[in-house]
Amino acid sequence: MYGYEEERRERYEREEAERKARAAKIRRIIGWSIGGVFGLILLFCSIYYISPGYRGVLVTLGKVDQHSYVNGIGFKVPFVSRMYKMDIRTQKMSQKTATYTSDVQTAEIEYVFTYDLVPDNVYVLYETVGRDYEGKKIIPVLNDVLKDVIGKWQAQELVSNRDKARVAVVAGLQEKLDNRFFRNITLQFINIDYSDKFEGAIEDKVIAEQKAQEAINNTKRITEEAGQKVITAQAEAEAIETKARALAKNKSLVEYEAVQKWDGKLPQYMLGESTPFINLGK
């Protein structure tokens, strides 16, 4: 009986030791797994990647690093540093805005605006303006310049001088936008739209001008034709007068002219004894 109890106790102790060993092994595996995951997280958080066409801005605990990072892979302090990507490729904005012309007509301007960021200064732009630099810096300046330039043109003249207006807008943007941050500025007008009533008035005016010009052209044509007729009449009158003077000085010329026009036939009835155009003398 004593031997049986001793055997049970030894088996129990052995099983307990095996259980503790298994539990310790599981704890070690869990610890290693947690450590591995945490290590992977640390490694992942300490690596940054900047794609081509971008520059990086590193911010550590709210402080901007005074350097623009080029594209590629690098390391940063995990959890306390963050890398922000700034797109330095050509940016394109398609916008519409309404403004007034000098003759107080509402013009709806549709345009395309393009620009590039200066790569080496993106960290300054981020530090002083933030990532919403378009809304804070570009659009307000764009609207101001457009209002200033469009306001110098009358509505009808603006349509035919849109390229001059475009050049003036680009010049104003180059002057007012900070050239530390923005370069290669371009702008194209897509459409300039007015109210239907005003466009109808312009069309009526153009038609009226065309009709007026047509009437002027007709007047010039009639005047020129009348002038040509006067010149022709004067020439004929002068010719007749010259011919009359010649006939008055030389009466035989009359007979000569008659002979030139005579068909050679004598009339059937003649008065008197004379034969036309023949003078036989006495």
C-alpha atoms as a PDB file:
ATOM      1  CA  MET A   1       0.000   0.000   0.000  1.00  0.00           C
ATOM      2  CA  TYR A   2       2.833   2.317   0.928  1.00  0.00           C
ATOM      3  CA  GLY A   3       4.550   1.613  -2.389  1.00  0.00           C
ATOM      4  CA  TYR A   4       1.411   2.443  -4.316  1.00  0.00           C
ATOM      5  CA  GLU A   5       1.043   5.863  -2.646  1.00  0.00           C
ATOM      6  CA  GLU A   6       4.675   6.659  -3.259  1.00  0.00           C
ATOM      7  CA  GLU A   7       4.302   5.780  -6.910  1.00  0.00           C
ATOM      8  CA  ARG A   8       1.231   8.041  -7.271  1.00  0.00           C
ATOM      9  CA  ARG A   9       3.061  10.939  -5.665  1.00  0.00           C
ATOM     10  CA  GLU A  10       6.058  10.533  -7.970  1.00  0.00           C
ATOM     11  CA  ARG A  11       3.813  10.328 -11.028  1.00  0.00           C
ATOM     12  CA  TYR A  12       1.956  13.451  -9.929  1.00  0.00           C
ATOM     13  CA  GLU A  13       5.161  15.376  -9.350  1.00  0.00           C
ATOM     14  CA  ARG A  14       6.480  14.258 -12.705  1.00  0.00           C
ATOM     15  CA  GLU A  15       3.288  15.350 -14.482  1.00  0.00           C
ATOM     16  CA  GLU A  16       3.308  18.654 -12.610  1.00  0.00           C
ATOM     17  CA  ALA A  17       6.891  19.296 -13.636  1.00  0.00           C
ATOM     18  CA  GLU A  18       6.052  18.515 -17.261  1.00  0.00           C
ATOM     19  CA  ARG A  19       3.032  20.854 -17.116  1.00  0.00           C
ATOM     20  CA  LYS A  20       5.148  23.661 -15.699  1.00  0.00           C
ATOM     21  CA  ALA A  21       7.777  23.064 -18.361  1.00  0.00           C
ATOM     22  CA  ARG A  22       5.160  23.227 -21.111  1.00  0.00           C
ATOM     23  CA  ALA A  23       3.673  26.397 -19.610  1.00  0.00           C
ATOM     24  CA  ALA A  24       7.109  28.002 -19.402  1.00  0.00           C
ATOM     25  CA  LYS A  25       7.810  27.048 -23.031  1.00  0.00           C
ATOM     26  CA  ILE A  26       4.491  28.560 -24.136  1.00  0.00           C
ATOM     27  CA  ARG A  27       5.252  31.748 -22.207  1.00  0.00           C
ATOM     28  CA  ARG A  28       8.652  31.938 -23.871  1.00  0.00           C
ATOM     29  CA  ILE A  29       7.081  31.453 -27.337  1.00  0.00           C
ATOM     30  CA  ILE A  30       4.465  34.141 -26.611  1.00  0.00           C
ATOM     31  CA  GLY A  31       7.154  36.469 -25.336  1.00  0.00           C
ATOM     32  CA  TRP A  32       9.302  35.886 -28.360  1.00  0.00           C
ATOM     33  CA  SER A  33       6.310  36.454 -30.640  1.00  0.00           C
ATOM     34  CA  ILE A  34       5.338  39.679 -28.895  1.00  0.00           C
ATOM     35  CA  GLY A  35       8.934  40.829 -28.979  1.00  0.00           C
ATOM     36  CA  GLY A  36       9.185  39.945 -32.661  1.00  0.00           C
ATOM     37  CA  VAL A  37       5.981  41.804 -33.495  1.00  0.00           C
ATOM     38  CA  PHE A  38       7.080  44.805 -31.480  1.00  0.00           C
ATOM     39  CA  GLY A  39      10.460  44.689 -33.215  1.00  0.00           C
ATOM     40  CA  LEU A  40       8.774  44.570 -36.624  1.00  0.00           C
ATOM     41  CA  ILE A  41       6.598  47.515 -35.630  1.00  0.00           C
ATOM     42  CA  LEU A  42       9.669  49.448 -34.513  1.00  0.00           C
ATOM     43  CA  LEU A  43      11.455  48.583 -37.732  1.00  0.00           C
ATOM     44  CA  PHE A  44       8.433  49.521 -39.851  1.00  0.00           C
ATOM     45  CA  CYS A  45       7.930  52.808 -37.989  1.00  0.00           C
ATOM     46  CA  SER A  46      11.592  53.726 -38.326  1.00  0.00           C
ATOM     47  CA  ILE A  47      11.687  53.309 -42.123  1.00  0.00           C
ATOM     48  CA  TYR A  48      10.329  55.878 -44.557  1.00  0.00           C
ATOM     49  CA  TYR A  49      10.019  55.782 -48.335  1.00  0.00           C
ATOM     50  CA  ILE A  50       9.689  58.802 -50.636  1.00  0.00           C
ATOM     51  CA  SER A  51       8.438  58.131 -54.163  1.00  0.00           C
ATOM     52  CA  PRO A  52       9.961  59.793 -57.253  1.00  0.00           C
ATOM     53  CA  GLY A  53       8.360  63.168 -57.900  1.00  0.00           C
ATOM     54  CA  TYR A  54       8.082  63.964 -54.193  1.00  0.00           C
ATOM     55  CA  ARG A  55      10.156  65.609 -51.489  1.00  0.00           C
ATOM     56  CA  GLY A  56       9.968  64.728 -47.811  1.00  0.00           C
ATOM     57  CA  VAL A  57       9.458  66.972 -44.778  1.00  0.00           C
ATOM     58  CA  LEU A  58      10.505  65.377 -41.467  1.00  0.00           C
ATOM     59  CA  VAL A  59       8.658  66.506 -38.331  1.00  0.00           C
ATOM     60  CA  THR A  60       9.918  65.365 -34.926  1.00  0.00           C
ATOM     61  CA  LEU A  61       7.725  66.198 -31.919  1.00  0.00           C
ATOM     62  CA  GLY A  62       6.251  69.143 -33.848  1.00  0.00           C
ATOM     63  CA  LYS A  63       9.618  70.517 -35.018  1.00  0.00           C
ATOM     64  CA  VAL A  64      10.291  70.670 -38.757  1.00  0.00           C
ATOM     65  CA  ASP A  65      13.687  69.449 -39.852  1.00  0.00           C
ATOM     66  CA  GLN A  66      15.380  72.208 -41.896  1.00  0.00           C
ATOM     67  CA  HIS A  67      15.958  70.023 -44.889  1.00  0.00           C
ATOM     68  CA  SER A  68      13.976  68.674 -47.870  1.00  0.00           C
ATOM     69  CA  TYR A  69      14.450  64.920 -48.210  1.00  0.00           C
ATOM     70  CA  VAL A  70      14.900  63.459 -51.684  1.00  0.00           C
ATOM     71  CA  ASN A  71      13.162  60.306 -52.914  1.00  0.00           C
ATOM     72  CA  GLY A  72      14.364  56.959 -51.609  1.00  0.00           C
ATOM     73  CA  ILE A  73      14.411  54.895 -48.402  1.00  0.00           C
ATOM     74  CA  GLY A  74      15.686  56.154 -45.033  1.00  0.00           C
ATOM     75  CA  PHE A  75      15.316  55.848 -41.281  1.00  0.00           C
ATOM     76  CA  LYS A  76      13.683  58.030 -38.657  1.00  0.00           C
ATOM     77  CA  VAL A  77      12.969  57.847 -34.954  1.00  0.00           C
ATOM     78  CA  PRO A  78       9.872  55.644 -34.534  1.00  0.00           C
ATOM     79  CA  PHE A  79       6.699  57.047 -32.932  1.00  0.00           C
ATOM     80  CA  VAL A  80       8.144  60.536 -32.419  1.00  0.00           C
ATOM     81  CA  SER A  81       9.087  61.437 -36.015  1.00  0.00           C
ATOM     82  CA  ARG A  82       6.845  61.572 -39.063  1.00  0.00           C
ATOM     83  CA  MET A  83       7.717  62.044 -42.740  1.00  0.00           C
ATOM     84  CA  TYR A  84       5.301  64.125 -44.858  1.00  0.00           C
ATOM     85  CA  LYS A  85       5.460  63.858 -48.655  1.00  0.00           C
ATOM     86  CA  MET A  86       5.164  66.991 -50.819  1.00  0.00           C
ATOM     87  CA  ASP A  87       4.351  66.553 -54.516  1.00  0.00           C
ATOM     88  CA  ILE A  88       6.864  68.509 -56.664  1.00  0.00           C
ATOM     89  CA  ARG A  89       5.421  67.405 -60.004  1.00  0.00           C
ATOM     90  CA  THR A  90       3.547  69.942 -62.129  1.00  0.00           C
ATOM     91  CA  GLN A  91       0.277  70.701 -60.382  1.00  0.00           C
ATOM     92  CA  LYS A  92      -2.879  71.486 -62.370  1.00  0.00           C
ATOM     93  CA  MET A  93      -5.909  73.367 -61.103  1.00  0.00           C
ATOM     94  CA  SER A  94      -9.142  73.732 -63.106  1.00  0.00           C
ATOM     95  CA  GLN A  95     -11.318  76.433 -61.601  1.00  0.00           C
ATOM     96  CA  LYS A  96     -14.248  78.753 -62.299  1.00  0.00           C
ATOM     97  CA  THR A  97     -14.694  82.201 -60.859  1.00  0.00           C
ATOM     98  CA  ALA A  98     -17.073  85.095 -61.485  1.00  0.00           C
ATOM     99  CA  THR A  99     -15.920  88.706 -61.670  1.00  0.00           C
ATOM    100  CA  TYR A 100     -16.898  92.067 -63.190  1.00  0.00           C
ATOM    101  CA  THR A 101     -15.629  93.776 -66.317  1.00  0.00           C
ATOM    102  CA  SER A 102     -15.038  97.543 -66.502  1.00  0.00           C
ATOM    103  CA  ASP A 103     -18.552  98.038 -67.919  1.00  0.00           C
ATOM    104  CA  VAL A 104     -20.029  96.120 -64.953  1.00  0.00           C
ATOM    105  CA  GLN A 105     -20.852  92.896 -66.783  1.00  0.00           C
ATOM    106  CA  THR A 106     -20.578  89.626 -64.886  1.00  0.00           C
ATOM    107  CA  ALA A 107     -17.991  87.379 -66.526  1.00  0.00           C
ATOM    108  CA  GLU A 108     -17.686  83.728 -65.505  1.00  0.00           C
ATOM    109  CA  ILE A 109     -14.070  82.746 -66.124  1.00  0.00           C
ATOM    110  CA  GLU A 110     -13.120  79.096 -66.551  1.00  0.00           C
ATOM    111  CA  TYR A 111      -9.365  78.566 -66.515  1.00  0.00           C
ATOM    112  CA  VAL A 112      -6.554  76.054 -66.014  1.00  0.00           C
ATOM    113  CA  PHE A 113      -3.669  77.055 -63.745  1.00  0.00           C
ATOM    114  CA  THR A 114      -0.422  75.073 -63.486  1.00  0.00           C
ATOM    115  CA  TYR A 115       2.654  75.474 -61.297  1.00  0.00           C
ATOM    116  CA  ASP A 116       5.607  73.621 -59.760  1.00  0.00           C
ATOM    117  CA  LEU A 117       6.859  73.656 -56.187  1.00  0.00           C
ATOM    118  CA  VAL A 118      10.485  74.601 -55.601  1.00  0.00           C
ATOM    119  CA  PRO A 119      11.853  71.251 -54.328  1.00  0.00           C
ATOM    120  CA  ASP A 120      14.520  72.593 -51.983  1.00  0.00           C
ATOM    121  CA  ASN A 121      12.062  74.849 -50.127  1.00  0.00           C
ATOM    122  CA  VAL A 122       9.136  72.523 -49.501  1.00  0.00           C
ATOM    123  CA  TYR A 123      10.069  72.248 -45.811  1.00  0.00           C
ATOM    124  CA  VAL A 124       9.791  76.049 -45.466  1.00  0.00           C
ATOM    125  CA  LEU A 125       6.399  75.997 -47.228  1.00  0.00           C
ATOM    126  CA  TYR A 126       5.194  73.253 -44.885  1.00  0.00           C
ATOM    127  CA  GLU A 127       6.534  75.054 -41.823  1.00  0.00           C
ATOM    128  CA  THR A 128       5.084  78.485 -42.677  1.00  0.00           C
ATOM    129  CA  VAL A 129       1.873  77.589 -44.535  1.00  0.00           C
ATOM    130  CA  GLY A 130       1.138  73.878 -44.125  1.00  0.00           C
ATOM    131  CA  ARG A 131      -0.046  71.287 -46.592  1.00  0.00           C
ATOM    132  CA  ASP A 132      -3.131  73.302 -47.600  1.00  0.00           C
ATOM    133  CA  TYR A 133      -1.016  75.899 -49.397  1.00  0.00           C
ATOM    134  CA  GLU A 134      -3.335  75.984 -52.419  1.00  0.00           C
ATOM    135  CA  GLY A 135      -6.327  77.103 -50.381  1.00  0.00           C
ATOM    136  CA  LYS A 136      -4.299  79.509 -48.246  1.00  0.00           C
ATOM    137  CA  LYS A 137      -1.850  80.986 -50.754  1.00  0.00           C
ATOM    138  CA  ILE A 138      -2.654  80.258 -54.392  1.00  0.00           C
ATOM    139  CA  ILE A 139      -6.436  80.542 -54.788  1.00  0.00           C
ATOM    140  CA  PRO A 140      -6.809  83.894 -52.966  1.00  0.00           C
ATOM    141  CA  VAL A 141      -4.017  85.433 -55.072  1.00  0.00           C
ATOM    142  CA  LEU A 142      -5.490  83.935 -58.245  1.00  0.00           C
ATOM    143  CA  ASN A 143      -8.895  85.447 -57.563  1.00  0.00           C
ATOM    144  CA  ASP A 144      -7.427  88.869 -56.729  1.00  0.00           C
ATOM    145  CA  VAL A 145      -5.304  88.997 -59.887  1.00  0.00           C
ATOM    146  CA  LEU A 146      -8.187  87.842 -62.094  1.00  0.00           C
ATOM    147  CA  LYS A 147     -10.514  90.497 -60.665  1.00  0.00           C
ATOM    148  CA  ASP A 148      -7.871  93.183 -61.119  1.00  0.00           C
ATOM    149  CA  VAL A 149      -7.077  92.264 -64.752  1.00  0.00           C
ATOM    150  CA  ILE A 150     -10.617  91.478 -65.931  1.00  0.00           C
ATOM    151  CA  GLY A 151     -11.857  94.679 -64.319  1.00  0.00           C
ATOM    152  CA  LYS A 152      -9.717  96.713 -66.743  1.00  0.00           C
ATOM    153  CA  TRP A 153     -11.446  95.366 -69.868  1.00  0.00           C
ATOM    154  CA  GLN A 154     -14.885  95.962 -71.289  1.00  0.00           C
ATOM    155  CA  ALA A 155     -16.833  92.765 -71.793  1.00  0.00           C
ATOM    156  CA  GLN A 156     -16.850  92.764 -75.578  1.00  0.00           C
ATOM    157  CA  GLU A 157     -13.178  93.749 -75.828  1.00  0.00           C
ATOM    158  CA  LEU A 158     -12.170  91.020 -73.373  1.00  0.00           C
ATOM    159  CA  VAL A 159     -13.363  88.292 -75.733  1.00  0.00           C
ATOM    160  CA  SER A 160     -11.175  89.490 -78.599  1.00  0.00           C
ATOM    161  CA  ASN A 161      -8.221  90.310 -76.307  1.00  0.00           C
ATOM    162  CA  ARG A 162      -8.269  87.240 -74.088  1.00  0.00           C
ATOM    163  CA  ASP A 163      -4.608  86.410 -74.773  1.00  0.00           C
ATOM    164  CA  LYS A 164      -3.506  89.878 -73.672  1.00  0.00           C
ATOM    165  CA  ALA A 165      -5.600  89.437 -70.530  1.00  0.00           C
ATOM    166  CA  ARG A 166      -4.036  86.005 -69.953  1.00  0.00           C
ATOM    167  CA  VAL A 167      -0.501  87.426 -70.220  1.00  0.00           C
ATOM    168  CA  ALA A 168      -1.421  90.149 -67.736  1.00  0.00           C
ATOM    169  CA  VAL A 169      -2.826  87.569 -65.280  1.00  0.00           C
ATOM    170  CA  VAL A 170       0.345  85.433 -65.490  1.00  0.00           C
ATOM    171  CA  ALA A 171       2.499  88.522 -64.913  1.00  0.00           C
ATOM    172  CA  GLY A 172       0.415  89.443 -61.866  1.00  0.00           C
ATOM    173  CA  LEU A 173       0.706  85.921 -60.446  1.00  0.00           C
ATOM    174  CA  GLN A 174       4.459  85.854 -60.948  1.00  0.00           C
ATOM    175  CA  GLU A 175       4.680  89.122 -59.046  1.00  0.00           C
ATOM    176  CA  LYS A 176       2.360  88.232 -56.139  1.00  0.00           C
ATOM    177  CA  LEU A 177       2.999  84.516 -55.591  1.00  0.00           C
ATOM    178  CA  ASP A 178       6.064  83.795 -53.446  1.00  0.00           C
ATOM    179  CA  ASN A 179       8.809  82.684 -55.858  1.00  0.00           C
ATOM    180  CA  ARG A 180      10.528  80.837 -53.014  1.00  0.00           C
ATOM    181  CA  PHE A 181       7.796  78.224 -53.248  1.00  0.00           C
ATOM    182  CA  PHE A 182       6.170  78.439 -56.708  1.00  0.00           C
ATOM    183  CA  ARG A 183       7.653  78.468 -60.219  1.00  0.00           C
ATOM    184  CA  ASN A 184       6.778  77.650 -63.870  1.00  0.00           C
ATOM    185  CA  ILE A 185       3.441  79.427 -63.515  1.00  0.00           C
ATOM    186  CA  THR A 186       1.052  79.202 -66.481  1.00  0.00           C
ATOM    187  CA  LEU A 187      -2.621  79.993 -67.028  1.00  0.00           C
ATOM    188  CA  GLN A 188      -5.020  79.351 -69.898  1.00  0.00           C
ATOM    189  CA  PHE A 189      -8.558  80.650 -70.319  1.00  0.00           C
ATOM    190  CA  ILE A 190     -10.922  77.797 -71.210  1.00  0.00           C
ATOM    191  CA  ASN A 191     -14.076  79.889 -71.497  1.00  0.00           C
ATOM    192  CA  ILE A 192     -15.368  83.384 -70.801  1.00  0.00           C
ATOM    193  CA  ASP A 193     -19.119  83.342 -70.344  1.00  0.00           C
ATOM    194  CA  TYR A 194     -21.603  86.212 -69.977  1.00  0.00           C
ATOM    195  CA  SER A 195     -25.325  86.322 -69.338  1.00  0.00           C
ATOM    196  CA  ASP A 196     -27.612  85.223 -72.178  1.00  0.00           C
ATOM    197  CA  LYS A 197     -29.099  88.729 -72.354  1.00  0.00           C
ATOM    198  CA  PHE A 198     -25.707  90.369 -72.778  1.00  0.00           C
ATOM    199  CA  GLU A 199     -24.513  87.832 -75.338  1.00  0.00           C
ATOM    200  CA  GLY A 200     -27.730  88.418 -77.305  1.00  0.00           C
ATOM    201  CA  ALA A 201     -27.070  92.169 -77.225  1.00  0.00           C
ATOM    202  CA  ILE A 202     -23.527  91.607 -78.506  1.00  0.00           C
ATOM    203  CA  GLU A 203     -24.834  89.438 -81.320  1.00  0.00           C
ATOM    204  CA  ASP A 204     -27.401  92.080 -82.285  1.00  0.00           C
ATOM    205  CA  LYS A 205     -24.699  94.739 -82.242  1.00  0.00           C
ATOM    206  CA  VAL A 206     -22.429  92.669 -84.458  1.00  0.00           C
ATOM    207  CA  ILE A 207     -25.254  92.074 -86.922  1.00  0.00           C
ATOM    208  CA  ALA A 208     -26.088  95.797 -86.945  1.00  0.00           C
ATOM    209  CA  GLU A 209     -22.428  96.689 -87.531  1.00  0.00           C
ATOM    210  CA  GLN A 210     -22.237  94.192 -90.380  1.00  0.00           C
ATOM    211  CA  LYS A 211     -25.358  95.658 -91.980  1.00  0.00           C
ATOM    212  CA  ALA A 212     -24.027  99.198 -91.529  1.00  0.00           C
ATOM    213  CA  GLN A 213     -20.744  98.209 -93.140  1.00  0.00           C
ATOM    214  CA  GLU A 214     -22.635  96.549 -95.967  1.00  0.00           C
ATOM    215  CA  ALA A 215     -24.620  99.751 -96.503  1.00  0.00           C
ATOM    216  CA  ILE A 216     -21.393 101.786 -96.521  1.00  0.00           C
ATOM    217  CA  ASN A 217     -19.901  99.414 -99.057  1.00  0.00           C
ATOM    218  CA  ASN A 218     -23.001  99.698-101.237  1.00  0.00           C
ATOM    219  CA  THR A 219     -22.876 103.499-100.995  1.00  0.00           C
ATOM    220  CA  LYS A 220     -19.226 103.477-102.030  1.00  0.00           C
ATOM    221  CA  ARG A 221     -20.020 101.167-104.938  1.00  0.00           C
ATOM    222  CA  ILE A 222     -22.909 103.325-106.142  1.00  0.00           C
ATOM    223  CA  THR A 223     -20.800 106.472-105.762  1.00  0.00           C
ATOM    224  CA  GLU A 224     -17.967 104.919-107.728  1.00  0.00           C
ATOM    225  CA  GLU A 225     -20.340 103.741-110.470  1.00  0.00           C
ATOM    226  CA  ALA A 226     -21.906 107.199-110.681  1.00  0.00           C
ATOM    227  CA  GLY A 227     -18.449 108.746-110.837  1.00  0.00           C
ATOM    228  CA  GLN A 228     -17.506 106.421-113.667  1.00  0.00           C
ATOM    229  CA  LYS A 229     -20.669 107.400-115.545  1.00  0.00           C
ATOM    230  CA  VAL A 230     -19.878 111.109-115.055  1.00  0.00           C
ATOM    231  CA  ILE A 231     -16.359 110.569-116.301  1.00  0.00           C
ATOM    232  CA  THR A 232     -17.681 108.633-119.301  1.00  0.00           C
ATOM    233  CA  ALA A 233     -20.272 111.328-120.059  1.00  0.00           C
ATOM    234  CA  GLN A 234     -17.671 114.073-119.773  1.00  0.00           C
ATOM    235  CA  ALA A 235     -15.379 112.181-122.114  1.00  0.00           C
ATOM    236  CA  GLU A 236     -18.181 111.701-124.652  1.00  0.00           C
ATOM    237  CA  ALA A 237     -19.185 115.350-124.390  1.00  0.00           C
ATOM    238  CA  GLU A 238     -15.617 116.475-124.920  1.00  0.00           C
ATOM    239  CA  ALA A 239     -15.340 114.135-127.924  1.00  0.00           C
ATOM    240  CA  ILE A 240     -18.551 115.499-129.456  1.00  0.00           C
ATOM    241  CA  GLU A 241     -17.430 119.067-128.829  1.00  0.00           C
ATOM    242  CA  THR A 242     -14.064 118.383-130.426  1.00  0.00           C
ATOM    243  CA  LYS A 243     -15.734 116.752-133.407  1.00  0.00           C
ATOM    244  CA  ALA A 244     -18.184 119.631-133.787  1.00  0.00           C
ATOM    245  CA  ARG A 245     -15.349 122.147-133.837  1.00  0.00           C
ATOM    246  CA  ALA A 246     -13.562 120.100-136.485  1.00  0.00           C
ATOM    247  CA  LEU A 247     -16.695 119.923-138.673  1.00  0.00           C
ATOM    248  CA  ALA A 248     -17.267 123.639-138.362  1.00  0.00           C
ATOM    249  CA  LYS A 249     -13.773 124.363-139.635  1.00  0.00           C
ATOM    250  CA  ASN A 250     -13.864 121.850-142.532  1.00  0.00           C
ATOM    251  CA  LYS A 251     -17.278 121.342-144.152  1.00  0.00           C
ATOM    252  CA  SER A 252     -15.951 118.757-146.614  1.00  0.00           C
ATOM    253  CA  LEU A 253     -15.354 116.533-143.615  1.00  0.00           C
ATOM    254  CA  VAL A 254     -19.119 116.152-143.362  1.00  0.00           C
ATOM    255  CA  GLU A 255     -19.274 114.704-146.836  1.00  0.00           C
ATOM    256  CA  TYR A 256     -16.323 112.491-146.049  1.00  0.00           C
ATOM    257  CA  GLU A 257     -18.065 111.125-142.963  1.00  0.00           C
ATOM    258  CA  ALA A 258     -21.201 110.507-145.038  1.00  0.00           C
ATOM    259  CA  VAL A 259     -19.236 108.639-147.697  1.00  0.00           C
ATOM    260  CA  GLN A 260     -17.672 106.501-144.973  1.00  0.00           C
ATOM    261  CA  LYS A 261     -21.112 105.513-143.777  1.00  0.00           C
ATOM    262  CA  TRP A 262     -22.765 105.166-147.304  1.00  0.00           C
ATOM    263  CA  ASP A 263     -23.639 101.616-148.380  1.00  0.00           C
ATOM    264  CA  GLY A 264     -23.280 102.421-152.110  1.00  0.00           C
ATOM    265  CA  LYS A 265     -27.021 102.409-152.940  1.00  0.00           C
ATOM    266  CA  LEU A 266     -28.778 105.454-154.399  1.00  0.00           C
ATOM    267  CA  PRO A 267     -32.175 106.380-153.089  1.00  0.00           C
ATOM    268  CA  GLN A 268     -35.152 105.559-155.374  1.00  0.00           C
ATOM    269  CA  TYR A 269     -36.597 109.058-155.110  1.00  0.00           C
ATOM    270  CA  MET A 270     -34.551 112.234-155.064  1.00  0.00           C
ATOM    271  CA  LEU A 271     -35.551 115.849-155.020  1.00  0.00           C
ATOM    272  CA  GLY A 272     -33.868 118.084-157.505  1.00  0.00           C
ATOM    273  CA  GLU A 273     -31.185 117.061-159.916  1.00  0.00           C
ATOM    274  CA  SER A 274     -28.348 116.447-157.532  1.00  0.00           C
ATOM    275  CA  THR A 275     -26.877 113.086-156.852  1.00  0.00           C
ATOM    276  CA  PRO A 276     -25.976 112.543-153.207  1.00  0.00           C
ATOM    277  CA  PHE A 277     -22.272 112.707-152.275  1.00  0.00           C
ATOM    278  CA  ILE A 278     -21.279 113.452-155.937  1.00  0.00           C
ATOM    279  CA  ASN A 279     -20.270 116.866-156.988  1.00  0.00           C
ATOM    280  CA  LEU A 280     -19.456 116.907-160.803  1.00  0.00           C
ATOM    281  CA  GLY A 281     -18.891 120.603-160.972  1.00  0.00           C
ATOM    282  CA  LYS A 282     -20.187 122.856-163.737  1.00  0.00           C
END
